[in-house]
Amino acid sequence: MRMCELKEKEVINCRDGERLGFICDVEIDIHTGIVVRLIVPGPCKIWGILGRDQEYVIDYTCIKQIGADVILVDIDSEKALVKSAFL
């Protein structure tokens, strides 16, 4: 699967059915070439106009299934939500 195909898939949490969003980045181990983590932008701030300062960091082991349109993950949303590294 290519990165551009991966970015077109929506990430959904199996625990509560929450739609987390679309993948914006991946973390790859440069020595093995294996995807280590998926990065999904976090929720918007007030009324969705002030941008985002958090992101979901999802370990590859938390992925349950990759389908045609969605990626199902099993995560604790609060623990996976971290401050964005690029701010």
Protein backbone atom coordinates (compact mmCIF):
# COMPACT_ATOMS: atom_id res chain seq x y z
CA MET A 1 0.00 0.00 0.00
CA ARG A 2 1.30 3.44 -0.88
CA MET A 3 1.38 6.40 1.49
CA CYS A 4 -1.08 8.35 -0.68
CA GLU A 5 -3.58 5.46 -0.37
CA LEU A 6 -3.09 5.34 3.39
CA LYS A 7 -3.78 9.07 3.75
CA GLU A 8 -7.17 8.67 2.04
CA LYS A 9 -8.47 6.33 4.75
CA GLU A 10 -10.41 7.52 7.78
CA VAL A 11 -9.31 6.28 11.20
CA ILE A 12 -12.07 5.02 13.53
CA ASN A 13 -11.65 3.92 17.14
CA CYS A 14 -13.28 0.51 17.79
CA ARG A 15 -13.71 1.18 21.52
CA ASP A 16 -16.26 3.95 21.16
CA GLY A 17 -16.86 4.31 17.41
CA GLU A 18 -15.27 7.78 17.40
CA ARG A 19 -14.10 9.11 14.05
CA LEU A 20 -10.58 10.34 14.70
CA GLY A 21 -9.90 11.74 11.23
CA PHE A 22 -7.57 11.08 8.32
CA ILE A 23 -3.90 10.17 8.55
CA CYS A 24 -1.60 13.16 8.07
CA ASP A 25 1.75 11.48 8.69
CA VAL A 26 3.44 8.18 9.51
CA GLU A 27 6.54 7.36 11.53
CA ILE A 28 8.81 4.80 9.87
CA ASP A 29 11.78 2.96 11.35
CA ILE A 30 14.56 3.89 8.93
CA HIS A 31 16.57 0.74 9.64
CA THR A 32 13.78 -1.74 8.92
CA GLY A 33 11.42 0.32 6.75
CA ILE A 34 8.46 -0.69 8.92
CA VAL A 35 5.66 1.73 9.85
CA VAL A 36 5.85 2.32 13.60
CA ARG A 37 3.11 4.89 14.24
CA LEU A 38 0.28 6.69 12.47
CA ILE A 39 -0.30 10.39 13.12
CA VAL A 40 -3.83 11.82 12.93
CA PRO A 41 -4.63 15.50 13.60
CA GLY A 42 -6.42 16.01 16.91
CA PRO A 43 -9.71 17.77 17.51
CA CYS A 44 -10.12 21.44 16.60
CA LYS A 45 -10.07 24.15 19.20
CA ILE A 46 -12.99 26.49 19.81
CA TRP A 47 -15.59 26.30 17.00
CA GLY A 48 -13.05 24.69 14.73
CA ILE A 49 -11.52 28.00 13.65
CA LEU A 50 -8.47 28.26 15.88
CA GLY A 51 -6.59 25.29 14.46
CA ARG A 52 -5.20 22.28 16.28
CA ASP A 53 -2.41 21.88 18.79
CA GLN A 54 -2.77 18.16 19.50
CA GLU A 55 -2.57 14.98 17.47
CA TYR A 56 -3.36 11.31 17.90
CA VAL A 57 -0.23 9.14 17.89
CA ILE A 58 -1.34 5.58 17.18
CA ASP A 59 1.07 2.64 17.47
CA TYR A 60 0.94 0.26 14.54
CA THR A 61 0.16 -2.60 16.95
CA CYS A 62 -3.16 -0.88 17.79
CA ILE A 63 -4.44 -1.26 14.23
CA LYS A 64 -7.12 -3.94 14.12
CA GLN A 65 -8.03 -3.87 10.43
CA ILE A 66 -7.36 -1.86 7.30
CA GLY A 67 -10.31 -1.77 4.95
CA ALA A 68 -11.06 -0.14 1.62
CA ASP A 69 -12.15 3.16 3.18
CA VAL A 70 -11.31 3.01 6.88
CA ILE A 71 -8.68 1.92 9.37
CA LEU A 72 -10.03 0.44 12.60
CA VAL A 73 -7.88 1.01 15.69
CA ASP A 74 -8.29 0.08 19.35
CA ILE A 75 -6.87 2.90 21.47
CA ASP A 76 -7.58 4.97 24.56
CA SER A 77 -8.25 8.29 22.84
CA GLU A 78 -7.14 10.39 25.79
CA LYS A 79 -3.79 8.60 26.13
CA ALA A 80 -3.11 8.70 22.37
CA LEU A 81 -3.81 12.45 22.18
CA VAL A 82 -0.52 14.32 22.60
CA LYS A 83 0.71 17.86 22.04
CA SER A 84 1.82 18.36 18.45
CA ALA A 85 5.58 18.13 17.98
CA PHE A 86 5.60 20.83 15.31
CA LEU A 87 4.33 23.73 17.43
